[in-house]
C-alpha atoms as a PDB file:
ATOM      1  CA  MET A   1       4.735 -10.711  -1.865  1.00  0.00           C
ATOM      2  CA  ARG A   2       4.695 -11.588   1.846  1.00  0.00           C
ATOM      3  CA  ASN A   3       7.431 -14.180   1.482  1.00  0.00           C
ATOM      4  CA  THR A   4       9.457 -11.710  -0.553  1.00  0.00           C
ATOM      5  CA  SER A   5       9.160  -9.007   2.088  1.00  0.00           C
ATOM      6  CA  LEU A   6      10.063 -11.351   4.957  1.00  0.00           C
ATOM      7  CA  ASN A   7      12.974 -12.882   3.063  1.00  0.00           C
ATOM      8  CA  LYS A   8      14.217  -9.354   2.499  1.00  0.00           C
ATOM      9  CA  VAL A   9      14.030  -8.711   6.249  1.00  0.00           C
ATOM     10  CA  HIS A  10      16.405 -11.647   6.710  1.00  0.00           C
ATOM     11  CA  GLU A  11      18.663 -10.356   3.951  1.00  0.00           C
ATOM     12  CA  LEU A  12      18.717  -6.858   5.430  1.00  0.00           C
ATOM     13  CA  ALA A  13      19.464  -8.309   8.853  1.00  0.00           C
ATOM     14  CA  GLN A  14      22.494 -10.108   7.411  1.00  0.00           C
ATOM     15  CA  LYS A  15      23.790  -6.779   6.108  1.00  0.00           C
ATOM     16  CA  ASP A  16      22.823  -4.518   8.991  1.00  0.00           C
ATOM     17  CA  SER A  17      23.010  -5.466  12.661  1.00  0.00           C
ATOM     18  CA  ARG A  18      20.297  -2.924  13.527  1.00  0.00           C
ATOM     19  CA  VAL A  19      17.558  -4.973  11.827  1.00  0.00           C
ATOM     20  CA  VAL A  20      15.287  -7.124  14.023  1.00  0.00           C
ATOM     21  CA  PHE A  21      12.060  -8.998  13.264  1.00  0.00           C
ATOM     22  CA  ILE A  22       8.964  -9.093  15.460  1.00  0.00           C
ATOM     23  CA  GLY A  23       5.989 -11.271  14.526  1.00  0.00           C
ATOM     24  CA  SER A  24       2.588 -11.435  16.173  1.00  0.00           C
ATOM     25  CA  ASP A  25       0.847 -14.817  16.137  1.00  0.00           C
ATOM     26  CA  LEU A  26       2.439 -16.026  12.896  1.00  0.00           C
ATOM     27  CA  GLY A  27       3.089 -19.591  11.756  1.00  0.00           C
ATOM     28  CA  VAL A  28       5.961 -21.567  13.252  1.00  0.00           C
ATOM     29  CA  GLY A  29       7.768 -21.663   9.914  1.00  0.00           C
ATOM     30  CA  THR A  30       7.879 -17.875   9.531  1.00  0.00           C
ATOM     31  CA  LEU A  31      11.440 -16.734   8.841  1.00  0.00           C
ATOM     32  CA  LYS A  32      12.722 -20.096  10.033  1.00  0.00           C
ATOM     33  CA  ALA A  33      16.169 -19.480   8.540  1.00  0.00           C
ATOM     34  CA  MET A  34      16.557 -16.104  10.241  1.00  0.00           C
ATOM     35  CA  LYS A  35      15.391 -17.561  13.542  1.00  0.00           C
ATOM     36  CA  ALA A  36      18.066 -20.269  13.315  1.00  0.00           C
ATOM     37  CA  GLU A  37      20.827 -17.939  12.156  1.00  0.00           C
ATOM     38  CA  MET A  38      20.223 -14.985  14.481  1.00  0.00           C
ATOM     39  CA  PRO A  39      17.776 -15.950  17.257  1.00  0.00           C
ATOM     40  CA  GLU A  40      18.728 -12.845  19.233  1.00  0.00           C
ATOM     41  CA  ARG A  41      17.101 -10.714  16.510  1.00  0.00           C
ATOM     42  CA  PHE A  42      13.969 -12.840  15.946  1.00  0.00           C
ATOM     43  CA  PHE A  43      10.927 -12.385  18.195  1.00  0.00           C
ATOM     44  CA  MET A  44       7.611 -14.215  17.829  1.00  0.00           C
ATOM     45  CA  GLU A  45       4.894 -12.966  20.150  1.00  0.00           C
ATOM     46  CA  GLY A  46       1.304 -14.047  20.614  1.00  0.00           C
ATOM     47  CA  VAL A  47      -1.937 -12.206  19.954  1.00  0.00           C
ATOM     48  CA  ALA A  48      -0.675  -9.029  21.630  1.00  0.00           C
ATOM     49  CA  GLU A  49      -0.332  -6.384  18.951  1.00  0.00           C
ATOM     50  CA  GLN A  50      -0.365  -3.429  21.345  1.00  0.00           C
ATOM     51  CA  ASN A  51       2.530  -4.996  23.250  1.00  0.00           C
ATOM     52  CA  VAL A  52       4.388  -5.781  20.033  1.00  0.00           C
ATOM     53  CA  ILE A  53       4.249  -2.140  18.929  1.00  0.00           C
ATOM     54  CA  GLY A  54       5.579  -1.070  22.328  1.00  0.00           C
ATOM     55  CA  MET A  55       8.417  -3.588  21.988  1.00  0.00           C
ATOM     56  CA  ALA A  56       9.290  -2.255  18.559  1.00  0.00           C
ATOM     57  CA  ALA A  57       9.252   1.344  19.765  1.00  0.00           C
ATOM     58  CA  GLY A  58      11.573   0.522  22.653  1.00  0.00           C
ATOM     59  CA  MET A  59      13.990  -1.279  20.370  1.00  0.00           C
ATOM     60  CA  ALA A  60      13.961   1.599  17.906  1.00  0.00           C
ATOM     61  CA  MET A  61      14.775   4.012  20.730  1.00  0.00           C
ATOM     62  CA  ASP A  62      17.839   1.865  21.397  1.00  0.00           C
ATOM     63  CA  GLY A  63      19.003   2.264  17.801  1.00  0.00           C
ATOM     64  CA  LEU A  64      17.482  -0.846  16.215  1.00  0.00           C
ATOM     65  CA  ILE A  65      15.260  -1.019  13.110  1.00  0.00           C
ATOM     66  CA  PRO A  66      12.310  -3.330  13.917  1.00  0.00           C
ATOM     67  CA  TYR A  67      10.264  -4.909  11.124  1.00  0.00           C
ATOM     68  CA  VAL A  68       6.897  -5.931  12.604  1.00  0.00           C
ATOM     69  CA  ASN A  69       4.582  -8.321  10.778  1.00  0.00           C
ATOM     70  CA  THR A  70       1.023  -9.513  11.269  1.00  0.00           C
ATOM     71  CA  ILE A  71      -2.422  -9.278   9.645  1.00  0.00           C
ATOM     72  CA  ALA A  72      -3.290  -5.802   8.374  1.00  0.00           C
ATOM     73  CA  PRO A  73      -6.345  -4.861  10.516  1.00  0.00           C
ATOM     74  CA  PHE A  74      -4.569  -6.030  13.641  1.00  0.00           C
ATOM     75  CA  ILE A  75      -1.411  -3.989  13.013  1.00  0.00           C
ATOM     76  CA  THR A  76      -3.441  -0.857  12.280  1.00  0.00           C
ATOM     77  CA  ARG A  77      -6.736  -0.353  14.101  1.00  0.00           C
ATOM     78  CA  ARG A  78      -6.181  -2.762  17.037  1.00  0.00           C
ATOM     79  CA  CYS A  79      -3.019  -0.989  18.175  1.00  0.00           C
ATOM     80  CA  TYR A  80      -3.668   2.463  16.749  1.00  0.00           C
ATOM     81  CA  GLU A  81      -2.906   4.326  19.954  1.00  0.00           C
ATOM     82  CA  GLN A  82       0.411   2.517  20.407  1.00  0.00           C
ATOM     83  CA  VAL A  83       1.379   3.224  16.791  1.00  0.00           C
ATOM     84  CA  ALA A  84       0.497   6.889  17.275  1.00  0.00           C
ATOM     85  CA  VAL A  85       1.973   7.516  20.723  1.00  0.00           C
ATOM     86  CA  ASP A  86       4.831   5.021  20.960  1.00  0.00           C
ATOM     87  CA  VAL A  87       6.044   5.167  17.354  1.00  0.00           C
ATOM     88  CA  CYS A  88       4.844   8.257  15.480  1.00  0.00           C
ATOM     89  CA  VAL A  89       5.196  10.852  18.237  1.00  0.00           C
ATOM     90  CA  HIS A  90       8.889   9.931  18.452  1.00  0.00           C
ATOM     91  CA  ASN A  91       9.269   9.458  14.683  1.00  0.00           C
ATOM     92  CA  LEU A  92      10.890   6.059  15.181  1.00  0.00           C
ATOM     93  CA  PRO A  93      12.107   3.815  12.334  1.00  0.00           C
ATOM     94  CA  VAL A  94       9.579   1.032  12.900  1.00  0.00           C
ATOM     95  CA  ARG A  95       8.363  -0.812   9.790  1.00  0.00           C
ATOM     96  CA  LEU A  96       4.829  -2.235   9.953  1.00  0.00           C
ATOM     97  CA  ILE A  97       4.389  -5.047   7.417  1.00  0.00           C
ATOM     98  CA  ALA A  98       0.666  -5.700   7.011  1.00  0.00           C
ATOM     99  CA  ASN A  99      -0.529  -9.007   5.574  1.00  0.00           C
ATOM    100  CA  GLY A 100      -3.642  -8.987   3.425  1.00  0.00           C
ATOM    101  CA  GLY A 101      -4.328  -5.329   2.793  1.00  0.00           C
ATOM    102  CA  GLY A 102      -7.602  -4.316   1.212  1.00  0.00           C
ATOM    103  CA  VAL A 103      -9.976  -7.215   0.554  1.00  0.00           C
ATOM    104  CA  VAL A 104      -7.403 -10.009   0.372  1.00  0.00           C
ATOM    105  CA  TYR A 105      -8.947 -11.757   3.381  1.00  0.00           C
ATOM    106  CA  ALA A 106     -12.411 -11.722   1.822  1.00  0.00           C
ATOM    107  CA  PRO A 107     -13.027 -15.372   2.823  1.00  0.00           C
ATOM    108  CA  LEU A 108     -12.882 -14.289   6.500  1.00  0.00           C
ATOM    109  CA  GLY A 109     -15.316 -11.400   6.302  1.00  0.00           C
ATOM    110  CA  PRO A 110     -15.265  -7.806   7.558  1.00  0.00           C
ATOM    111  CA  THR A 111     -13.215  -8.447  10.704  1.00  0.00           C
ATOM    112  CA  HIS A 112     -10.187  -9.277   8.548  1.00  0.00           C
ATOM    113  CA  LEU A 113     -10.552  -6.680   5.797  1.00  0.00           C
ATOM    114  CA  ALA A 114      -8.169  -3.713   5.901  1.00  0.00           C
ATOM    115  CA  ILE A 115     -10.248  -1.244   3.932  1.00  0.00           C
ATOM    116  CA  GLU A 116      -9.573   1.859   6.044  1.00  0.00           C
ATOM    117  CA  ASP A 117      -5.866   1.339   6.678  1.00  0.00           C
ATOM    118  CA  PHE A 118      -4.681   4.049   4.274  1.00  0.00           C
ATOM    119  CA  ALA A 119      -6.971   6.575   5.929  1.00  0.00           C
ATOM    120  CA  ILE A 120      -5.974   5.944   9.523  1.00  0.00           C
ATOM    121  CA  MET A 121      -2.279   5.416   8.846  1.00  0.00           C
ATOM    122  CA  ARG A 122      -1.859   8.486   6.667  1.00  0.00           C
ATOM    123  CA  ALA A 123      -3.605  10.578   9.324  1.00  0.00           C
ATOM    124  CA  LEU A 124      -0.655   9.980  11.639  1.00  0.00           C
ATOM    125  CA  PRO A 125       2.143  12.573  11.447  1.00  0.00           C
ATOM    126  CA  ASN A 126       5.529  11.111  10.408  1.00  0.00           C
ATOM    127  CA  MET A 127       4.017   7.865   9.057  1.00  0.00           C
ATOM    128  CA  ALA A 128       4.795   6.851   5.458  1.00  0.00           C
ATOM    129  CA  VAL A 129       2.204   4.624   3.736  1.00  0.00           C
ATOM    130  CA  VAL A 130       3.234   2.328   0.880  1.00  0.00           C
ATOM    131  CA  ALA A 131       1.428  -0.290  -1.261  1.00  0.00           C
ATOM    132  CA  VAL A 132       3.601  -1.722  -4.037  1.00  0.00           C
ATOM    133  CA  SER A 133       2.243  -3.583  -7.050  1.00  0.00           C
ATOM    134  CA  ASP A 134       4.202  -6.846  -7.098  1.00  0.00           C
ATOM    135  CA  ALA A 135       6.930  -8.908  -5.467  1.00  0.00           C
ATOM    136  CA  GLU A 136       9.758  -7.410  -7.522  1.00  0.00           C
ATOM    137  CA  GLU A 137       8.751  -3.907  -6.497  1.00  0.00           C
ATOM    138  CA  MET A 138       8.556  -5.154  -2.908  1.00  0.00           C
ATOM    139  CA  LYS A 139      12.279  -5.968  -3.074  1.00  0.00           C
ATOM    140  CA  ARG A 140      13.036  -2.376  -4.067  1.00  0.00           C
ATOM    141  CA  LEU A 141      10.813  -1.031  -1.322  1.00  0.00           C
ATOM    142  CA  MET A 142      12.475  -3.180   1.332  1.00  0.00           C
ATOM    143  CA  ASP A 143      15.918  -2.000   0.239  1.00  0.00           C
ATOM    144  CA  ALA A 144      14.730   1.605   0.380  1.00  0.00           C
ATOM    145  CA  SER A 145      13.095   1.089   3.774  1.00  0.00           C
ATOM    146  CA  LEU A 146      16.348   0.450   5.594  1.00  0.00           C
ATOM    147  CA  ASP A 147      17.462   4.055   5.824  1.00  0.00           C
ATOM    148  CA  TRP A 148      14.061   5.808   5.832  1.00  0.00           C
ATOM    149  CA  LYS A 149      14.093   8.116   8.831  1.00  0.00           C
ATOM    150  CA  GLY A 150      10.576   7.601  10.228  1.00  0.00           C
ATOM    151  CA  PRO A 151       7.969   4.829  10.513  1.00  0.00           C
ATOM    152  CA  ILE A 152       6.568   3.074   7.441  1.00  0.00           C
ATOM    153  CA  TYR A 153       3.290   1.230   6.953  1.00  0.00           C
ATOM    154  CA  ILE A 154       3.730  -1.416   4.241  1.00  0.00           C
ATOM    155  CA  ARG A 155       0.510  -2.918   2.859  1.00  0.00           C
ATOM    156  CA  LEU A 156       0.922  -6.378   1.311  1.00  0.00           C
ATOM    157  CA  ALA A 157      -1.265  -7.614  -1.525  1.00  0.00           C
ATOM    158  CA  LYS A 158      -2.512 -11.186  -1.975  1.00  0.00           C
ATOM    159  CA  GLY A 159       0.689 -12.746  -3.255  1.00  0.00           C
ATOM    160  CA  GLY A 160       1.229 -14.243  -6.672  1.00  0.00           C
ATOM    161  CA  ASP A 161       0.321 -10.929  -8.254  1.00  0.00           C
ATOM    162  CA  PRO A 162       1.565 -10.516 -11.858  1.00  0.00           C
ATOM    163  CA  VAL A 163       4.862  -8.666 -12.104  1.00  0.00           C
ATOM    164  CA  ILE A 164       4.254  -5.340 -13.830  1.00  0.00           C
ATOM    165  CA  SER A 165       7.191  -3.402 -12.412  1.00  0.00           C
ATOM    166  CA  GLN A 166      10.427  -3.054 -14.364  1.00  0.00           C
ATOM    167  CA  PRO A 167      14.039  -3.683 -13.303  1.00  0.00           C
ATOM    168  CA  THR A 168      14.854  -0.210 -14.604  1.00  0.00           C
ATOM    169  CA  ASP A 169      12.375   1.501 -12.292  1.00  0.00           C
ATOM    170  CA  ASP A 170      13.976   4.230 -10.245  1.00  0.00           C
ATOM    171  CA  PHE A 171      12.067   3.257  -7.124  1.00  0.00           C
ATOM    172  CA  LYS A 172      11.986   5.831  -4.358  1.00  0.00           C
ATOM    173  CA  ILE A 173       9.582   6.088  -1.437  1.00  0.00           C
ATOM    174  CA  GLY A 174       7.352   9.087  -2.185  1.00  0.00           C
ATOM    175  CA  LYS A 175       8.035   9.099  -5.937  1.00  0.00           C
ATOM    176  CA  ALA A 176       5.293   7.844  -8.273  1.00  0.00           C
ATOM    177  CA  ILE A 177       6.043   5.757 -11.363  1.00  0.00           C
ATOM    178  CA  LEU A 178       4.387   6.551 -14.691  1.00  0.00           C
ATOM    179  CA  ARG A 179       3.408   3.188 -16.130  1.00  0.00           C
ATOM    180  CA  ARG A 180       1.671   4.580 -19.221  1.00  0.00           C
ATOM    181  CA  GLU A 181       1.677   8.038 -20.744  1.00  0.00           C
ATOM    182  CA  PRO A 182      -1.644   9.850 -20.283  1.00  0.00           C
ATOM    183  CA  GLY A 183      -3.905  11.018 -23.097  1.00  0.00           C
ATOM    184  CA  ARG A 184      -7.486  12.149 -22.552  1.00  0.00           C
ATOM    185  CA  VAL A 185      -7.501  10.168 -19.334  1.00  0.00           C
ATOM    186  CA  LEU A 186      -5.132   9.707 -16.405  1.00  0.00           C
ATOM    187  CA  MET A 187      -5.755   6.824 -14.015  1.00  0.00           C
ATOM    188  CA  VAL A 188      -3.911   6.961 -10.699  1.00  0.00           C
ATOM    189  CA  SER A 189      -3.706   3.718  -8.780  1.00  0.00           C
ATOM    190  CA  THR A 190      -1.858   1.985  -5.977  1.00  0.00           C
ATOM    191  CA  GLY A 191      -1.095  -1.577  -4.941  1.00  0.00           C
ATOM    192  CA  ALA A 192      -2.947  -4.338  -6.765  1.00  0.00           C
ATOM    193  CA  THR A 193      -5.194  -1.923  -8.655  1.00  0.00           C
ATOM    194  CA  THR A 194      -2.353  -0.740 -10.898  1.00  0.00           C
ATOM    195  CA  GLU A 195      -2.349  -4.037 -12.799  1.00  0.00           C
ATOM    196  CA  ARG A 196      -6.115  -3.683 -13.325  1.00  0.00           C
ATOM    197  CA  CYS A 197      -5.677  -0.126 -14.585  1.00  0.00           C
ATOM    198  CA  LEU A 198      -3.069  -1.203 -17.129  1.00  0.00           C
ATOM    199  CA  LYS A 199      -5.502  -3.778 -18.483  1.00  0.00           C
ATOM    200  CA  ALA A 200      -8.239  -1.143 -18.528  1.00  0.00           C
ATOM    201  CA  ALA A 201      -5.934   1.156 -20.502  1.00  0.00           C
ATOM    202  CA  ASP A 202      -5.477  -1.607 -23.087  1.00  0.00           C
ATOM    203  CA  ILE A 203      -9.248  -2.031 -23.383  1.00  0.00           C
ATOM    204  CA  LEU A 204      -9.719   1.704 -23.763  1.00  0.00           C
ATOM    205  CA  ALA A 205      -6.966   1.917 -26.376  1.00  0.00           C
ATOM    206  CA  GLU A 206      -8.867  -0.588 -28.505  1.00  0.00           C
ATOM    207  CA  ALA A 207     -11.818   1.819 -28.350  1.00  0.00           C
ATOM    208  CA  GLY A 208      -9.612   4.733 -29.383  1.00  0.00           C
ATOM    209  CA  ILE A 209      -9.394   6.311 -25.920  1.00  0.00           C
ATOM    210  CA  THR A 210      -5.916   7.220 -24.733  1.00  0.00           C
ATOM    211  CA  ALA A 211      -5.527   6.579 -21.018  1.00  0.00           C
ATOM    212  CA  GLY A 212      -2.413   6.742 -18.895  1.00  0.00           C
ATOM    213  CA  VAL A 213      -1.576   4.997 -15.639  1.00  0.00           C
ATOM    214  CA  LEU A 214       0.335   6.599 -12.794  1.00  0.00           C
ATOM    215  CA  HIS A 215       1.363   4.052 -10.157  1.00  0.00           C
ATOM    216  CA  MET A 216       1.248   5.828  -6.807  1.00  0.00           C
ATOM    217  CA  HIS A 217       2.953   3.167  -4.705  1.00  0.00           C
ATOM    218  CA  THR A 218       3.419   5.685  -1.904  1.00  0.00           C
ATOM    219  CA  VAL A 219       0.145   7.086  -0.608  1.00  0.00           C
ATOM    220  CA  LYS A 220       2.049   9.232   1.886  1.00  0.00           C
ATOM    221  CA  PRO A 221       4.153  11.239   1.274  1.00  0.00           C
ATOM    222  CA  LEU A 222       2.198  11.762  -1.922  1.00  0.00           C
ATOM    223  CA  ASP A 223       4.038  12.687  -5.109  1.00  0.00           C
ATOM    224  CA  CYS A 224       2.284  15.996  -5.742  1.00  0.00           C
ATOM    225  CA  GLU A 225       4.863  17.050  -8.319  1.00  0.00           C
ATOM    226  CA  ALA A 226       3.889  14.154 -10.600  1.00  0.00           C
ATOM    227  CA  LEU A 227       0.211  15.015 -10.245  1.00  0.00           C
ATOM    228  CA  LYS A 228       0.807  18.696 -10.981  1.00  0.00           C
ATOM    229  CA  ALA A 229       2.710  17.740 -14.118  1.00  0.00           C
ATOM    230  CA  LEU A 230       0.316  15.106 -15.444  1.00  0.00           C
ATOM    231  CA  VAL A 231      -3.231  16.110 -14.464  1.00  0.00           C
ATOM    232  CA  PRO A 232      -3.614  19.471 -16.329  1.00  0.00           C
ATOM    233  CA  GLY A 233      -4.937  19.018 -19.846  1.00  0.00           C
ATOM    234  CA  ARG A 234      -6.796  15.763 -19.229  1.00  0.00           C
ATOM    235  CA  ASP A 235     -10.497  15.319 -19.832  1.00  0.00           C
ATOM    236  CA  LEU A 236     -10.809  12.869 -16.962  1.00  0.00           C
ATOM    237  CA  LEU A 237      -8.881  11.970 -13.812  1.00  0.00           C
ATOM    238  CA  VAL A 238      -9.686   8.549 -12.331  1.00  0.00           C
ATOM    239  CA  THR A 239      -8.408   7.337  -8.970  1.00  0.00           C
ATOM    240  CA  VAL A 240      -8.565   3.597  -8.302  1.00  0.00           C
ATOM    241  CA  GLU A 241      -7.963   1.940  -4.952  1.00  0.00           C
ATOM    242  CA  GLU A 242      -8.748  -1.197  -2.949  1.00  0.00           C
ATOM    243  CA  HIS A 243      -9.912   0.959  -0.055  1.00  0.00           C
ATOM    244  CA  LEU A 244     -12.859   2.985   1.181  1.00  0.00           C
ATOM    245  CA  LEU A 245     -13.417   6.155  -0.801  1.00  0.00           C
ATOM    246  CA  ALA A 246     -13.178   8.021   2.494  1.00  0.00           C
ATOM    247  CA  GLY A 247      -9.643   9.027   3.366  1.00  0.00           C
ATOM    248  CA  GLY A 248      -7.707   6.909   0.891  1.00  0.00           C
ATOM    249  CA  LEU A 249      -5.708   7.513  -2.275  1.00  0.00           C
ATOM    250  CA  GLY A 250      -8.428   9.447  -4.082  1.00  0.00           C
ATOM    251  CA  SER A 251      -8.931  11.731  -1.120  1.00  0.00           C
ATOM    252  CA  ALA A 252      -5.205  12.351  -0.815  1.00  0.00           C
ATOM    253  CA  ILE A 253      -4.915  13.182  -4.516  1.00  0.00           C
ATOM    254  CA  LEU A 254      -7.782  15.668  -4.465  1.00  0.00           C
ATOM    255  CA  GLU A 255      -6.401  17.313  -1.326  1.00  0.00           C
ATOM    256  CA  CYS A 256      -3.029  17.697  -3.032  1.00  0.00           C
ATOM    257  CA  LEU A 257      -4.442  19.119  -6.273  1.00  0.00           C
ATOM    258  CA  VAL A 258      -6.779  21.549  -4.529  1.00  0.00           C
ATOM    259  CA  ASP A 259      -4.075  22.714  -2.146  1.00  0.00           C
ATOM    260  CA  CYS A 260      -1.736  23.292  -5.092  1.00  0.00           C
ATOM    261  CA  GLY A 261      -4.344  25.256  -7.023  1.00  0.00           C
ATOM    262  CA  VAL A 262      -4.524  22.855  -9.961  1.00  0.00           C
ATOM    263  CA  THR A 263      -7.635  23.259 -12.124  1.00  0.00           C
ATOM    264  CA  LEU A 264      -9.360  19.909 -11.913  1.00  0.00           C
ATOM    265  CA  PRO A 265     -10.655  18.015 -14.917  1.00  0.00           C
ATOM    266  CA  LYS A 266     -13.684  15.796 -14.501  1.00  0.00           C
ATOM    267  CA  VAL A 267     -12.913  13.393 -11.659  1.00  0.00           C
ATOM    268  CA  LYS A 268     -14.104   9.862 -10.966  1.00  0.00           C
ATOM    269  CA  ARG A 269     -13.049   8.033  -7.806  1.00  0.00           C
ATOM    270  CA  LEU A 270     -13.258   4.231  -7.711  1.00  0.00           C
ATOM    271  CA  GLY A 271     -13.056   2.316  -4.456  1.00  0.00           C
ATOM    272  CA  LEU A 272     -15.246   0.851  -1.741  1.00  0.00           C
ATOM    273  CA  PRO A 273     -18.422   2.551  -0.457  1.00  0.00           C
ATOM    274  CA  ASP A 274     -18.951   3.712   3.107  1.00  0.00           C
ATOM    275  CA  SER A 275     -20.128   0.373   4.482  1.00  0.00           C
ATOM    276  CA  PHE A 276     -18.815  -2.888   5.880  1.00  0.00           C
ATOM    277  CA  THR A 277     -19.080  -5.730   3.439  1.00  0.00           C
ATOM    278  CA  LYS A 278     -21.615  -8.475   4.012  1.00  0.00           C
ATOM    279  CA  GLU A 279     -19.941 -10.770   1.484  1.00  0.00           C
ATOM    280  CA  TYR A 280     -17.586 -13.684   2.013  1.00  0.00           C
ATOM    281  CA  GLY A 281     -15.873 -14.305  -1.274  1.00  0.00           C
ATOM    282  CA  SER A 282     -12.479 -13.863  -2.866  1.00  0.00           C
ATOM    283  CA  GLN A 283     -10.415 -10.787  -3.647  1.00  0.00           C
ATOM    284  CA  ASP A 284     -11.502 -11.058  -7.293  1.00  0.00           C
ATOM    285  CA  SER A 285     -15.185 -11.399  -6.399  1.00  0.00           C
ATOM    286  CA  MET A 286     -14.898  -8.337  -4.174  1.00  0.00           C
ATOM    287  CA  PHE A 287     -13.221  -6.408  -6.980  1.00  0.00           C
ATOM    288  CA  GLU A 288     -16.185  -7.286  -9.184  1.00  0.00           C
ATOM    289  CA  THR A 289     -18.668  -6.229  -6.504  1.00  0.00           C
ATOM    290  CA  TYR A 290     -17.034  -2.831  -6.215  1.00  0.00           C
ATOM    291  CA  GLY A 291     -16.400  -2.257  -9.922  1.00  0.00           C
ATOM    292  CA  LEU A 292     -12.635  -2.542  -9.704  1.00  0.00           C
ATOM    293  CA  LYS A 293     -12.007  -5.162 -12.385  1.00  0.00           C
ATOM    294  CA  ALA A 294     -10.303  -3.955 -15.543  1.00  0.00           C
ATOM    295  CA  GLU A 295     -13.375  -4.264 -17.746  1.00  0.00           C
ATOM    296  CA  GLN A 296     -15.464  -2.379 -15.203  1.00  0.00           C
ATOM    297  CA  ILE A 297     -12.888   0.395 -14.870  1.00  0.00           C
ATOM    298  CA  ALA A 298     -12.844   0.782 -18.648  1.00  0.00           C
ATOM    299  CA  THR A 299     -16.639   0.931 -18.736  1.00  0.00           C
ATOM    300  CA  THR A 300     -16.664   3.595 -16.028  1.00  0.00           C
ATOM    301  CA  VAL A 301     -14.172   5.678 -18.013  1.00  0.00           C
ATOM    302  CA  ARG A 302     -16.177   5.403 -21.230  1.00  0.00           C
ATOM    303  CA  THR A 303     -19.367   6.374 -19.405  1.00  0.00           C
ATOM    304  CA  ALA A 304     -17.699   9.340 -17.725  1.00  0.00           C
ATOM    305  CA  LEU A 305     -16.353  10.597 -21.056  1.00  0.00           C
ATOM    306  CA  ALA A 306     -19.678  10.231 -22.850  1.00  0.00           C
END
């Protein structure tokens, strides 16, 4: 997914002279072809994320569209003030591409986990927050990002994720995609959890439980219209995210439904608890720890319906 997004930056730069790339402490081979072809639009900085965000904001004020890339916790919490004041206050078209969202960097421990990024990024006025499900959907997002008016936070998954999106998807930032029609249950997911929810829906179908999957690739602006259309009439609404329960997708969905006056069915939110992890494992092992694997999601649904 990361390679796809960066290759698309190069492709967009070939089409649009406003596009520039700024990296922070990335490998020497990053976007090597773009660096050779258009060195005046390729910038590789050191461990200086606050400075990088200021650079991007200045370029955007001059009419450019900067795509900034580094590891997720460093492009969010380390430079939060610069993102807020330099970028969001002025509603600038800066794109923040965040490597290793969620628990992807589980081998490196809590310093490298981006488990609160949805919460802090969506709290910023003007900021869009997106987490697509696979590399093919990333291509559609990158195309759509070019002309988006304000800043965008783009969370990347692990890479090598199974392709579950469809070429016929009408991908739009802020517009959810219904992956499976709901029955008694509607699961709403984002990023890498959508693939797990589809598997969970298959498991539940074998047990005679009809469960739909709404892929909410855009956490902000949230597609409230889809929720208002699909939630009423369900026995159970389940939100699933690779993020703290505080402030993430589930929180955003409940805020939307309550604000819109929708009568809520039984609700179950799945995500990470309010604590820093003490584990050093893999993304899959973390998913198992937090009950986010497909079999565990299906078990949670069955228990909630019992």
